[in-house]
Amino acid sequence: MRFKIPSKQPAAFKSSALYLAGRTKGLSTDRVAWMEARNLETTDPLAAATIMEATAAQNLRCKRPVYHFVLSFDPKDARRGKLPPEVLREIAGEAIERMGLTEHQMLVYAHKDTKHPHMHFLINRVHSTTGKAFDRHNDGRRLTELCREIARERELNIPRDKERIRELEKVDDFDLVESLDAPTEGEYWQAKREEREPQIAMGKDEVKALREKVQGHFYNAKDWHDLTARLGAQGVFLQRKGQGLVLAKGERFAKLSQMGKSVRLAELEDRFGERFDVFMAERMKDLARDDAPEAQIPGYENMTPAEQRAAKRYHDAKLAVDRKKGDPVLELDAADYDYRYWAGVETVYRAGERRISRLERDRGWLKKTLPNYEAREMASEAQFNQSLFDIFRNPEKAAERWLKLEQTFGVADAERMVKKNANLLGRMNGARYLGVDTEARGNAKRAFRKLHLKRRRWQEQQLKLGHHRDRIEANRRALRIALNDFAMLRLRADVPFELREIMREKAMRRAKALTRATDKAILASNLAEDRKMELLRARRTYMERKRERERDRDYNRTQGLDYLDR
């Protein structure tokens, strides 16, 4: 169970209510599992929003009366039958009560359009009777506490936090308590989609200790090979994350920019003369070549297919026996490093896929919106030229003179000069030889008062159009580079399948090593203390997930037997 308070709160009750009800374009009301209205006389979203707006209008000092937060739950709890509608309604009531919002107007929507059940709370901060606004100070802390308490009372899954580590992660007399924060919401669900463990950002003390250990390597390394070798000796791996790099150590990470001045991806690429993705592509080929049967089995290339299969089975069996006979902690250490390194390779591959997808999406949007920028620029130019035609006897010459003034004196000074003396651009319309002004002269003078505004608008539209075209060109270059880098990552025609197979093999080796090694053996080993903690934490996580899978299987088996009995 977890919560989320959107950083950008809704501006209006009406649009939010319609959105949550699935009554906006592109949505469906089928997404709503159930809804509740509290302290309102209607469940219709439009009518409820109108009432809440009228109530909020009583407090003129409350500029943002709309308050929205979400409670979401682990899909595993839903599969185990722990979250039927009546339980969710009870949890909603408890959350409202513990937050002190019982007397406030609100709409509660439970959605079923995602794998994880979740409830949206759309609340009017202004009290309907007193007119006072709900104080949001420390609302995140209050929601954290109530999520922890409700989850513990109802035996629901909660994110790993400091208190849960105290309860679960203790080994004999070795206390493994650390101040770990839960992963961010985006990282949590992205890890779920990619079927991996979510990464958690290091705390300030951890970042400081890591920086003291590895900062010198960034300044002294000669190239990417040298840098990754230096970091690997410290158990640290460079991984892609977003548009930059992070330093991964176990399931914890620190940003590259936290390692010191000039430690940035672009600066490192300039100094090494090679892009990180290109280096990882070459490294990926080398690693795959070293792991291939051709490199490990003598004479493999000259064997028949049947002999190759038999030789590979014998080689794998012998390797498994050798690993089993060896020191289980050393095998775990090696298997974990191997898995972490390949996980970094896979991260680069996934980042390349996402980068190409994002750039292609941006390219489509840029091409789609280009005609709008061109039309606005043409319209502004036409308005300016029409004004020149209405004001001057020779509008073409007036335009040429204005351009020459801007080139000579600059845009701002040229505008001031023209504003003071229109004759700098030529003779105006409507003046007779005897000095009498006609109606055309009056129209020309009125049009001249706004001439500089139209010129300025045209210049702004020219700048916007030029900027948009620059973005299109930059997108074209970035997409070309991304496609080239991604093509290098493809080892063979079916690289995603092969990468998945490699990761599966590395994960299986690591899982066997985690099962064989014991906490006591890890503590008694000669490994560094921080490495012991990493392996203990990895083993604890693996064993906990293993128990969860067994509970799920038992539950599904029980549900199947109940179905047969019925």
Protein backbone atom coordinates (compact mmCIF):
# COMPACT_ATOMS: atom_id res chain seq x y z
CA MET A 1 0.00 0.00 0.00
CA ARG A 2 1.33 3.42 -0.90
CA PHE A 3 0.15 6.97 -1.55
CA LYS A 4 0.81 9.70 -4.08
CA ILE A 5 0.17 13.42 -3.84
CA PRO A 6 0.48 14.92 -7.35
CA SER A 7 2.88 17.84 -7.30
CA LYS A 8 0.55 19.74 -9.64
CA GLN A 9 -2.79 19.87 -7.88
CA PRO A 10 -6.00 20.35 -9.96
CA ALA A 11 -7.10 23.90 -10.70
CA ALA A 12 -10.86 23.17 -10.82
CA PHE A 13 -13.35 20.71 -9.33
CA LYS A 14 -15.35 20.23 -12.53
CA SER A 15 -12.61 18.99 -14.86
CA SER A 16 -11.13 16.74 -12.18
CA ALA A 17 -14.49 15.20 -11.26
CA LEU A 18 -15.33 14.47 -14.90
CA TYR A 19 -11.88 12.97 -15.48
CA LEU A 20 -12.09 10.68 -12.44
CA ALA A 21 -15.61 9.64 -13.49
CA GLY A 22 -14.32 8.68 -16.95
CA ARG A 23 -16.55 11.22 -18.65
CA THR A 24 -13.90 13.05 -20.64
CA LYS A 25 -12.72 12.43 -24.19
CA GLY A 26 -10.68 9.25 -24.58
CA LEU A 27 -11.87 7.69 -21.30
CA SER A 28 -14.72 5.41 -20.34
CA THR A 29 -16.90 5.12 -17.26
CA ASP A 30 -15.94 1.43 -17.18
CA ARG A 31 -12.72 2.43 -15.43
CA VAL A 32 -14.72 3.19 -12.24
CA ALA A 33 -15.17 0.22 -9.93
CA TRP A 34 -17.22 2.25 -7.42
CA MET A 35 -17.51 5.80 -6.12
CA GLU A 36 -18.65 7.62 -3.00
CA ALA A 37 -19.72 11.19 -2.32
CA ARG A 38 -19.22 12.49 1.22
CA ASN A 39 -20.98 15.54 2.67
CA LEU A 40 -22.60 16.12 -0.71
CA GLU A 41 -26.24 15.63 -1.67
CA THR A 42 -25.46 14.12 -5.07
CA THR A 43 -23.13 11.63 -6.72
CA ASP A 44 -23.29 13.33 -10.12
CA PRO A 45 -19.79 14.74 -10.79
CA LEU A 46 -21.04 17.96 -12.39
CA ALA A 47 -23.52 18.75 -9.64
CA ALA A 48 -21.02 17.78 -6.92
CA ALA A 49 -18.33 19.99 -8.49
CA THR A 50 -20.74 22.94 -8.59
CA ILE A 51 -21.54 22.52 -4.89
CA MET A 52 -17.86 22.29 -3.96
CA GLU A 53 -17.03 25.40 -5.99
CA ALA A 54 -19.80 27.36 -4.24
CA THR A 55 -18.47 26.21 -0.86
CA ALA A 56 -14.87 27.08 -1.75
CA ALA A 57 -15.96 30.59 -2.79
CA GLN A 58 -16.72 31.33 0.91
CA ASN A 59 -12.98 31.48 1.63
CA LEU A 60 -11.34 34.20 -0.46
CA ARG A 61 -7.89 33.57 1.01
CA CYS A 62 -7.70 29.93 -0.09
CA LYS A 63 -6.35 30.17 -3.64
CA ARG A 64 -6.20 26.39 -4.24
CA PRO A 65 -9.20 24.71 -2.64
CA VAL A 66 -8.93 21.50 -4.71
CA TYR A 67 -6.98 18.73 -2.97
CA HIS A 68 -6.24 15.41 -4.65
CA PHE A 69 -4.31 12.35 -3.50
CA VAL A 70 -4.24 8.65 -4.41
CA LEU A 71 -4.00 5.45 -2.40
CA SER A 72 -2.74 2.47 -4.41
CA PHE A 73 -2.23 -1.19 -3.53
CA ASP A 74 0.02 -4.06 -4.54
CA PRO A 75 -1.54 -6.28 -7.27
CA LYS A 76 -0.48 -9.31 -5.21
CA ASP A 77 -2.82 -8.26 -2.41
CA ALA A 78 -5.65 -8.04 -4.94
CA ARG A 79 -4.89 -11.50 -6.32
CA ARG A 80 -4.96 -12.92 -2.81
CA GLY A 81 -8.47 -11.55 -2.31
CA LYS A 82 -7.48 -9.02 0.34
CA LEU A 83 -9.02 -6.01 -1.44
CA PRO A 84 -12.72 -6.57 -2.18
CA PRO A 85 -14.82 -3.38 -2.66
CA GLU A 86 -16.11 -3.40 0.92
CA VAL A 87 -12.55 -3.47 2.30
CA LEU A 88 -11.47 -0.62 0.03
CA ARG A 89 -14.45 1.43 1.21
CA GLU A 90 -13.43 0.77 4.83
CA ILE A 91 -9.83 1.78 4.08
CA ALA A 92 -11.06 4.97 2.41
CA GLY A 93 -13.13 5.82 5.49
CA GLU A 94 -10.19 5.16 7.82
CA ALA A 95 -7.85 7.28 5.71
CA ILE A 96 -10.32 10.19 5.65
CA GLU A 97 -10.81 9.96 9.41
CA ARG A 98 -7.10 9.80 10.23
CA MET A 99 -6.36 12.74 7.95
CA GLY A 100 -9.00 14.83 9.74
CA LEU A 101 -11.16 15.29 6.63
CA THR A 102 -14.38 13.66 7.86
CA GLU A 103 -16.46 16.87 7.63
CA HIS A 104 -15.10 18.01 4.26
CA GLN A 105 -16.85 17.58 0.93
CA MET A 106 -15.21 15.00 -1.32
CA LEU A 107 -15.60 12.45 -4.10
CA VAL A 108 -13.87 9.08 -3.81
CA TYR A 109 -13.34 7.05 -6.99
CA ALA A 110 -11.95 3.51 -7.07
CA HIS A 111 -10.46 2.67 -10.47
CA LYS A 112 -9.92 -0.76 -12.01
CA ASP A 113 -8.17 0.22 -15.26
CA THR A 114 -4.68 -0.71 -14.02
CA LYS A 115 -3.09 -3.82 -12.53
CA HIS A 116 -2.84 -2.16 -9.14
CA PRO A 117 -6.15 -1.19 -7.46
CA HIS A 118 -6.20 2.46 -6.48
CA MET A 119 -8.53 5.12 -5.09
CA HIS A 120 -8.63 8.84 -5.95
CA PHE A 121 -9.72 11.37 -3.31
CA LEU A 122 -10.98 14.70 -4.70
CA ILE A 123 -11.45 16.93 -1.66
CA ASN A 124 -12.67 20.46 -0.99
CA ARG A 125 -10.19 21.98 1.46
CA VAL A 126 -12.74 24.63 2.52
CA HIS A 127 -15.02 23.42 5.34
CA SER A 128 -18.69 23.72 4.41
CA THR A 129 -19.69 25.16 7.83
CA THR A 130 -16.72 27.05 9.25
CA GLY A 131 -15.25 28.16 5.92
CA LYS A 132 -11.73 27.36 7.15
CA ALA A 133 -9.28 25.65 4.79
CA PHE A 134 -7.67 22.28 5.56
CA ASP A 135 -3.99 22.76 6.42
CA ARG A 136 -1.83 20.60 4.12
CA HIS A 137 1.31 21.03 6.22
CA ASN A 138 3.06 17.64 6.58
CA ASP A 139 0.27 15.85 4.71
CA GLY A 140 2.87 13.55 3.13
CA ARG A 141 4.10 12.49 6.56
CA ARG A 142 0.55 11.88 7.76
CA LEU A 143 -0.26 9.79 4.70
CA THR A 144 2.96 7.82 5.18
CA GLU A 145 1.98 6.98 8.74
CA LEU A 146 -1.61 6.03 7.95
CA CYS A 147 -0.52 3.84 4.99
CA ARG A 148 1.94 2.03 7.25
CA GLU A 149 -0.64 1.57 10.01
CA ILE A 150 -3.49 0.43 7.74
CA ALA A 151 -1.21 -1.94 5.84
CA ARG A 152 0.07 -3.45 9.06
CA GLU A 153 -3.43 -3.82 10.52
CA ARG A 154 -4.80 -5.49 7.38
CA GLU A 155 -1.61 -7.41 6.46
CA LEU A 156 -1.07 -5.60 3.17
CA ASN A 157 2.24 -5.15 1.38
CA ILE A 158 4.02 -1.91 2.13
CA PRO A 159 7.20 -0.35 0.65
CA ARG A 160 10.44 -1.18 2.36
CA ASP A 161 11.15 1.49 4.89
CA LYS A 162 13.35 1.89 7.92
CA GLU A 163 10.88 0.30 10.32
CA ARG A 164 10.30 -2.77 8.15
CA ILE A 165 14.04 -3.31 7.78
CA ARG A 166 14.34 -3.29 11.58
CA GLU A 167 11.75 -6.08 11.72
CA LEU A 168 12.99 -8.24 8.84
CA GLU A 169 16.69 -7.65 8.22
CA LYS A 170 18.57 -8.86 11.30
CA VAL A 171 21.21 -11.58 11.08
CA ASP A 172 22.33 -13.16 14.35
CA ASP A 173 24.29 -10.43 16.12
CA PHE A 174 24.87 -8.45 12.91
CA ASP A 175 22.47 -5.55 12.60
CA LEU A 176 21.75 -4.72 8.96
CA VAL A 177 19.59 -1.69 9.70
CA GLU A 178 20.08 1.15 7.25
CA SER A 179 18.16 4.30 6.58
CA LEU A 180 16.62 3.17 3.29
CA ASP A 181 13.92 5.15 1.58
CA ALA A 182 11.27 3.67 -0.66
CA PRO A 183 11.80 4.02 -4.43
CA THR A 184 10.01 6.80 -6.23
CA GLU A 185 6.58 6.08 -7.69
CA GLY A 186 7.84 6.25 -11.29
CA GLU A 187 10.83 3.98 -10.60
CA TYR A 188 8.62 1.49 -8.73
CA TRP A 189 6.19 0.99 -11.62
CA GLN A 190 8.87 1.12 -14.31
CA ALA A 191 10.74 -1.66 -12.47
CA LYS A 192 7.48 -3.61 -12.33
CA ARG A 193 7.06 -3.29 -16.11
CA GLU A 194 10.67 -4.34 -16.75
CA GLU A 195 10.45 -7.19 -14.20
CA ARG A 196 13.39 -6.05 -12.09
CA GLU A 197 14.04 -4.76 -8.60
CA PRO A 198 13.38 -1.02 -8.20
CA GLN A 199 16.47 1.08 -7.54
CA ILE A 200 16.61 3.31 -4.47
CA ALA A 201 18.54 6.56 -4.30
CA MET A 202 21.41 6.69 -1.81
CA GLY A 203 21.20 8.93 1.21
CA LYS A 204 23.53 11.88 1.76
CA ASP A 205 25.96 9.91 3.94
CA GLU A 206 26.12 7.06 1.42
CA VAL A 207 26.74 9.47 -1.46
CA LYS A 208 29.50 11.19 0.50
CA ALA A 209 31.21 7.90 1.31
CA LEU A 210 30.96 6.73 -2.30
CA ARG A 211 32.29 10.05 -3.62
CA GLU A 212 35.33 9.85 -1.35
CA LYS A 213 36.02 6.34 -2.63
CA VAL A 214 35.60 6.79 -6.39
CA GLN A 215 35.94 10.51 -7.18
CA GLY A 216 39.65 10.26 -8.02
CA HIS A 217 38.99 7.52 -10.57
CA PHE A 218 36.86 9.86 -12.69
CA TYR A 219 39.72 12.37 -12.93
CA ASN A 220 42.50 9.80 -13.49
CA ALA A 221 40.80 7.32 -15.83
CA LYS A 222 42.09 7.35 -19.42
CA ASP A 223 39.00 5.94 -21.15
CA TRP A 224 35.72 4.14 -20.50
CA HIS A 225 37.49 0.75 -20.19
CA ASP A 226 39.81 2.12 -17.54
CA LEU A 227 36.99 3.87 -15.67
CA THR A 228 34.65 0.85 -15.60
CA ALA A 229 37.51 -1.39 -14.47
CA ARG A 230 38.39 0.99 -11.62
CA LEU A 231 34.74 1.28 -10.53
CA GLY A 232 34.15 -2.46 -10.90
CA ALA A 233 36.96 -3.13 -8.45
CA GLN A 234 34.92 -1.09 -5.93
CA GLY A 235 31.71 -2.99 -6.73
CA VAL A 236 30.23 0.02 -8.54
CA PHE A 237 28.71 -0.08 -12.04
CA LEU A 238 27.79 2.70 -14.46
CA GLN A 239 24.21 2.42 -15.67
CA ARG A 240 21.93 4.43 -17.92
CA LYS A 241 19.08 6.26 -16.20
CA GLY A 242 17.00 8.84 -18.03
CA GLN A 243 19.24 11.14 -20.06
CA GLY A 244 22.36 10.51 -17.96
CA LEU A 245 24.27 7.95 -15.92
CA VAL A 246 24.07 6.70 -12.36
CA LEU A 247 26.48 4.71 -10.21
CA ALA A 248 24.75 1.50 -9.12
CA LYS A 249 25.92 -0.38 -6.06
CA GLY A 250 23.61 -3.28 -5.37
CA GLU A 251 20.07 -1.92 -5.57
CA ARG A 252 21.16 1.57 -4.51
CA PHE A 253 22.28 4.30 -6.88
CA ALA A 254 23.78 7.78 -6.89
CA LYS A 255 23.69 10.34 -9.68
CA LEU A 256 26.87 10.89 -11.66
CA SER A 257 26.66 14.63 -10.96
CA GLN A 258 26.95 13.89 -7.22
CA MET A 259 30.52 12.65 -7.68
CA GLY A 260 32.06 16.09 -8.10
CA LYS A 261 32.72 18.95 -10.51
CA SER A 262 33.06 18.11 -14.21
CA VAL A 263 31.85 14.58 -13.54
CA ARG A 264 29.13 14.70 -16.17
CA LEU A 265 28.27 12.35 -19.00
CA ALA A 266 28.89 14.91 -21.76
CA GLU A 267 32.24 15.98 -20.30
CA LEU A 268 33.42 12.39 -19.85
CA GLU A 269 32.40 11.55 -23.42
CA ASP A 270 34.35 14.57 -24.70
CA ARG A 271 37.44 13.65 -22.67
CA PHE A 272 37.38 9.97 -23.62
CA GLY A 273 36.48 10.69 -27.26
CA GLU A 274 33.79 8.00 -27.25
CA ARG A 275 30.10 7.93 -26.38
CA PHE A 276 29.14 5.72 -23.47
CA ASP A 277 26.52 3.83 -25.49
CA VAL A 278 29.08 3.01 -28.20
CA PHE A 279 31.50 1.73 -25.56
CA MET A 280 28.77 -0.44 -24.01
CA ALA A 281 27.88 -1.82 -27.44
CA GLU A 282 31.47 -2.94 -28.01
CA ARG A 283 31.71 -4.25 -24.45
CA MET A 284 28.47 -6.15 -24.95
CA LYS A 285 29.91 -7.88 -28.02
CA ASP A 286 33.08 -8.84 -26.13
CA LEU A 287 31.12 -10.23 -23.18
CA ALA A 288 28.80 -12.23 -25.43
CA ARG A 289 31.79 -13.55 -27.37
CA ASP A 290 33.52 -14.65 -24.14
CA ASP A 291 30.35 -16.39 -22.92
CA ALA A 292 29.73 -18.14 -26.24
CA PRO A 293 30.37 -21.92 -26.42
CA GLU A 294 32.92 -21.32 -29.21
CA ALA A 295 35.21 -19.55 -26.74
CA GLN A 296 34.82 -22.10 -23.92
CA ILE A 297 34.71 -25.48 -25.70
CA PRO A 298 37.80 -26.46 -27.77
CA GLY A 299 36.95 -27.45 -31.34
CA TYR A 300 33.31 -26.40 -30.99
CA GLU A 301 33.11 -24.87 -34.46
CA ASN A 302 34.21 -28.14 -36.15
CA MET A 303 31.56 -30.28 -34.38
CA THR A 304 28.26 -31.41 -35.84
CA PRO A 305 25.08 -29.84 -34.36
CA ALA A 306 24.43 -32.99 -32.28
CA GLU A 307 28.01 -32.98 -30.99
CA GLN A 308 27.75 -29.28 -30.19
CA ARG A 309 24.61 -29.82 -28.11
CA ALA A 310 26.20 -32.72 -26.24
CA ALA A 311 29.42 -30.78 -25.65
CA LYS A 312 27.48 -27.77 -24.34
CA ARG A 313 25.45 -29.94 -21.94
CA TYR A 314 28.65 -31.56 -20.65
CA HIS A 315 30.36 -28.17 -20.29
CA ASP A 316 27.41 -26.66 -18.41
CA ALA A 317 27.15 -29.69 -16.10
CA LYS A 318 30.90 -29.60 -15.34
CA LEU A 319 30.75 -25.86 -14.69
CA ALA A 320 27.79 -26.34 -12.32
CA VAL A 321 29.66 -29.08 -10.42
CA ASP A 322 32.79 -26.93 -10.13
CA ARG A 323 30.72 -24.04 -8.80
CA LYS A 324 28.96 -26.31 -6.33
CA LYS A 325 32.27 -27.69 -5.04
CA GLY A 326 33.77 -24.25 -4.61
CA ASP A 327 33.32 -21.73 -1.83
CA PRO A 328 29.60 -20.74 -1.90
CA VAL A 329 30.33 -17.16 -0.79
CA LEU A 330 32.98 -16.61 -3.47
CA GLU A 331 30.61 -18.12 -6.05
CA LEU A 332 27.85 -15.77 -4.82
CA ASP A 333 30.23 -12.81 -5.04
CA ALA A 334 31.21 -13.69 -8.61
CA ALA A 335 27.63 -14.50 -9.69
CA ASP A 336 26.31 -11.26 -8.22
CA TYR A 337 28.98 -9.17 -9.95
CA ASP A 338 28.33 -10.95 -13.23
CA TYR A 339 24.59 -10.39 -12.91
CA ARG A 340 24.99 -6.73 -11.95
CA TYR A 341 27.27 -6.05 -14.91
CA TRP A 342 24.90 -7.63 -17.40
CA ALA A 343 22.03 -5.79 -15.75
CA GLY A 344 23.88 -2.58 -16.61
CA VAL A 345 24.23 -3.75 -20.21
CA GLU A 346 20.52 -4.51 -20.35
CA THR A 347 19.77 -1.08 -18.87
CA VAL A 348 21.68 0.56 -21.73
CA TYR A 349 19.71 -1.50 -24.23
CA ARG A 350 16.35 -0.60 -22.66
CA ALA A 351 17.39 3.05 -22.43
CA GLY A 352 18.23 2.96 -26.14
CA GLU A 353 14.78 1.60 -26.93
CA ARG A 354 13.08 4.29 -24.84
CA ARG A 355 15.28 7.02 -26.31
CA ILE A 356 14.38 6.08 -29.88
CA SER A 357 10.71 5.83 -28.98
CA ARG A 358 10.78 9.26 -27.34
CA LEU A 359 12.64 10.87 -30.24
CA GLU A 360 10.27 9.37 -32.81
CA ARG A 361 7.32 10.62 -30.78
CA ASP A 362 8.89 14.09 -30.61
CA ARG A 363 9.60 14.01 -34.35
CA GLY A 364 5.94 13.33 -35.07
CA TRP A 365 4.82 16.18 -32.84
CA LEU A 366 7.37 18.61 -34.31
CA LYS A 367 6.33 17.81 -37.88
CA LYS A 368 2.66 18.05 -36.96
CA THR A 369 3.01 21.49 -35.35
CA LEU A 370 5.38 23.01 -37.95
CA PRO A 371 2.51 24.18 -40.26
CA ASN A 372 0.98 26.08 -37.34
CA TYR A 373 4.21 28.02 -36.74
CA GLU A 374 4.57 28.72 -40.47
CA ALA A 375 0.95 29.90 -40.73
CA ARG A 376 1.36 32.25 -37.75
CA GLU A 377 4.55 33.70 -39.22
CA MET A 378 2.89 34.25 -42.60
CA ALA A 379 -0.17 35.85 -40.98
CA SER A 380 2.02 38.23 -38.94
CA GLU A 381 4.02 39.18 -42.04
CA ALA A 382 0.82 39.79 -43.99
CA GLN A 383 -0.57 42.05 -41.24
CA PHE A 384 2.66 44.05 -41.13
CA ASN A 385 2.78 44.45 -44.93
CA GLN A 386 -0.88 45.51 -44.98
CA SER A 387 -0.10 48.19 -42.40
CA LEU A 388 2.79 49.45 -44.54
CA PHE A 389 0.42 49.56 -47.53
CA ASP A 390 -2.15 51.56 -45.53
CA ILE A 391 0.46 54.06 -44.27
CA PHE A 392 3.07 54.66 -46.97
CA ARG A 393 2.87 55.51 -50.63
CA ASN A 394 5.69 53.05 -51.36
CA PRO A 395 5.32 50.15 -48.88
CA GLU A 396 8.07 47.99 -50.47
CA LYS A 397 10.62 50.77 -50.09
CA ALA A 398 9.44 51.43 -46.51
CA ALA A 399 10.06 47.77 -45.62
CA GLU A 400 13.56 47.91 -47.12
CA ARG A 401 14.42 51.09 -45.20
CA TRP A 402 13.19 49.61 -41.88
CA LEU A 403 15.31 46.50 -42.41
CA LYS A 404 18.36 48.68 -43.18
CA LEU A 405 17.77 50.74 -40.02
CA GLU A 406 17.61 47.56 -37.91
CA GLN A 407 20.83 46.26 -39.45
CA THR A 408 22.58 49.59 -38.83
CA PHE A 409 21.29 50.66 -35.41
CA GLY A 410 19.74 47.50 -33.95
CA VAL A 411 16.10 46.50 -33.55
CA ALA A 412 15.31 48.53 -30.40
CA ASP A 413 16.93 51.79 -31.60
CA ALA A 414 15.42 51.44 -35.08
CA GLU A 415 11.97 51.02 -33.56
CA ARG A 416 12.39 54.17 -31.44
CA MET A 417 13.63 56.16 -34.44
CA VAL A 418 10.70 55.09 -36.64
CA LYS A 419 8.25 55.77 -33.83
CA LYS A 420 9.49 59.38 -33.54
CA ASN A 421 9.73 60.11 -37.26
CA ALA A 422 7.66 58.18 -39.79
CA ASN A 423 9.32 60.01 -42.67
CA LEU A 424 12.42 57.87 -42.19
CA LEU A 425 10.52 55.14 -44.04
CA GLY A 426 9.04 57.36 -46.74
CA ARG A 427 6.07 59.67 -47.47
CA MET A 428 2.75 58.78 -45.81
CA ASN A 429 -0.55 58.53 -47.67
CA GLY A 430 -3.17 61.27 -47.78
CA ALA A 431 -1.22 64.57 -47.69
CA ARG A 432 -2.11 67.15 -50.40
CA TYR A 433 0.37 69.61 -51.79
CA LEU A 434 -1.26 72.49 -49.90
CA GLY A 435 -0.71 70.61 -46.58
CA VAL A 436 -4.32 69.60 -46.08
CA ASP A 437 -4.79 66.13 -44.61
CA THR A 438 -7.43 63.89 -46.15
CA GLU A 439 -9.33 61.02 -44.59
CA ALA A 440 -6.66 58.65 -45.93
CA ARG A 441 -4.05 60.66 -43.99
CA GLY A 442 -6.00 60.19 -40.74
CA ASN A 443 -6.30 56.46 -41.36
CA ALA A 444 -2.56 56.28 -42.06
CA LYS A 445 -1.72 58.08 -38.80
CA ARG A 446 -3.95 55.76 -36.79
CA ALA A 447 -2.39 52.71 -38.45
CA PHE A 448 1.12 54.08 -37.77
CA ARG A 449 0.50 54.10 -34.01
CA LYS A 450 0.32 50.26 -34.01
CA LEU A 451 2.89 49.65 -36.73
CA HIS A 452 5.77 48.85 -34.35
CA LEU A 453 3.58 46.32 -32.48
CA LYS A 454 2.86 44.44 -35.70
CA ARG A 455 6.55 44.54 -36.63
CA ARG A 456 7.42 43.15 -33.18
CA ARG A 457 4.83 40.37 -33.48
CA TRP A 458 6.23 39.38 -36.84
CA GLN A 459 9.74 39.26 -35.41
CA GLU A 460 8.53 37.08 -32.50
CA GLN A 461 6.84 34.69 -34.89
CA GLN A 462 10.01 34.55 -37.01
CA LEU A 463 12.03 33.67 -33.90
CA LYS A 464 9.53 31.00 -32.84
CA LEU A 465 9.51 29.49 -36.32
CA GLY A 466 13.31 29.49 -36.45
CA HIS A 467 13.50 27.91 -33.00
CA HIS A 468 11.01 25.24 -34.02
CA ARG A 469 13.00 24.43 -37.15
CA ASP A 470 16.17 24.21 -35.03
CA ARG A 471 14.38 21.73 -32.76
CA ILE A 472 13.41 19.66 -35.81
CA GLU A 473 17.01 19.59 -36.99
CA ALA A 474 18.31 18.76 -33.50
CA ASN A 475 15.73 15.98 -33.23
CA ARG A 476 16.83 14.65 -36.63
CA ARG A 477 20.49 14.55 -35.54
CA ALA A 478 19.71 12.99 -32.15
CA LEU A 479 17.50 10.32 -33.73
CA ARG A 480 20.19 9.47 -36.28
CA ILE A 481 22.78 9.06 -33.50
CA ALA A 482 20.37 7.03 -31.36
CA LEU A 483 19.57 4.69 -34.25
CA ASN A 484 23.28 4.20 -34.99
CA ASP A 485 24.07 3.49 -31.33
CA PHE A 486 21.15 1.11 -31.02
CA ALA A 487 22.17 -0.72 -34.21
CA MET A 488 25.57 -1.34 -32.64
CA LEU A 489 23.90 -2.85 -29.58
CA ARG A 490 22.31 -5.55 -31.71
CA LEU A 491 24.62 -8.51 -31.50
CA ARG A 492 22.66 -10.58 -33.98
CA ALA A 493 19.31 -10.41 -35.76
CA ASP A 494 17.42 -11.42 -32.62
CA VAL A 495 19.33 -9.55 -29.94
CA PRO A 496 16.39 -8.95 -27.53
CA PHE A 497 15.79 -12.69 -27.33
CA GLU A 498 19.49 -13.44 -26.84
CA LEU A 499 19.89 -10.70 -24.25
CA ARG A 500 16.87 -12.06 -22.43
CA GLU A 501 18.41 -15.55 -22.50
CA ILE A 502 21.73 -14.23 -21.20
CA MET A 503 19.99 -12.36 -18.36
CA ARG A 504 17.96 -15.47 -17.55
CA GLU A 505 21.15 -17.54 -17.31
CA LYS A 506 22.88 -14.93 -15.12
CA ALA A 507 19.81 -14.65 -12.88
CA MET A 508 19.58 -18.43 -12.48
CA ARG A 509 23.25 -18.66 -11.51
CA ARG A 510 22.80 -15.86 -8.98
CA ALA A 511 19.64 -17.45 -7.57
CA LYS A 512 21.41 -20.78 -7.03
CA ALA A 513 24.32 -19.00 -5.36
CA LEU A 514 21.95 -17.02 -3.09
CA THR A 515 20.26 -20.28 -2.07
CA ARG A 516 23.51 -22.13 -1.33
CA ALA A 517 25.21 -19.35 0.65
CA THR A 518 24.12 -18.72 4.22
CA ASP A 519 24.07 -15.53 6.24
CA LYS A 520 26.57 -17.03 8.66
CA ALA A 521 28.97 -17.96 5.85
CA ILE A 522 28.75 -14.48 4.34
CA LEU A 523 29.52 -12.88 7.71
CA ALA A 524 32.48 -15.20 8.24
CA SER A 525 33.97 -14.54 4.80
CA ASN A 526 36.95 -12.30 4.05
CA LEU A 527 34.92 -9.92 1.94
CA ALA A 528 34.78 -6.21 2.76
CA GLU A 529 32.10 -5.18 5.24
CA ASP A 530 30.10 -3.13 2.74
CA ARG A 531 30.19 -6.05 0.28
CA LYS A 532 28.93 -8.38 3.01
CA MET A 533 26.02 -6.02 3.62
CA GLU A 534 25.19 -5.96 -0.10
CA LEU A 535 25.17 -9.75 -0.35
CA LEU A 536 23.16 -10.13 2.86
CA ARG A 537 20.60 -7.63 1.62
CA ALA A 538 20.43 -9.36 -1.78
CA ARG A 539 19.96 -12.76 -0.14
CA ARG A 540 17.30 -11.41 2.24
CA THR A 541 15.39 -9.88 -0.70
CA TYR A 542 15.64 -13.08 -2.73
CA MET A 543 14.45 -15.32 0.13
CA GLU A 544 11.57 -12.97 0.91
CA ARG A 545 10.43 -12.98 -2.73
CA LYS A 546 10.77 -16.74 -2.81
CA ARG A 547 8.47 -17.04 0.19
CA GLU A 548 5.98 -14.65 -1.46
CA ARG A 549 5.92 -16.79 -4.60
CA GLU A 550 5.31 -19.90 -2.50
CA ARG A 551 2.45 -18.17 -0.67
CA ASP A 552 0.94 -17.12 -4.00
CA ARG A 553 1.16 -20.68 -5.32
CA ASP A 554 -0.44 -22.03 -2.15
CA TYR A 555 -3.22 -19.45 -2.38
CA ASN A 556 -3.88 -20.19 -6.07
CA ARG A 557 -3.85 -23.91 -5.36
CA THR A 558 -6.36 -23.41 -2.54
CA GLN A 559 -8.58 -21.29 -4.76
CA GLY A 560 -8.49 -24.01 -7.41
CA LEU A 561 -9.49 -26.70 -4.90
CA ASP A 562 -12.32 -24.52 -3.63
CA TYR A 563 -13.51 -24.11 -7.21
CA LEU A 564 -13.48 -27.89 -7.68
CA ASP A 565 -15.43 -28.41 -4.44
CA ARG A 566 -18.11 -26.04 -5.68
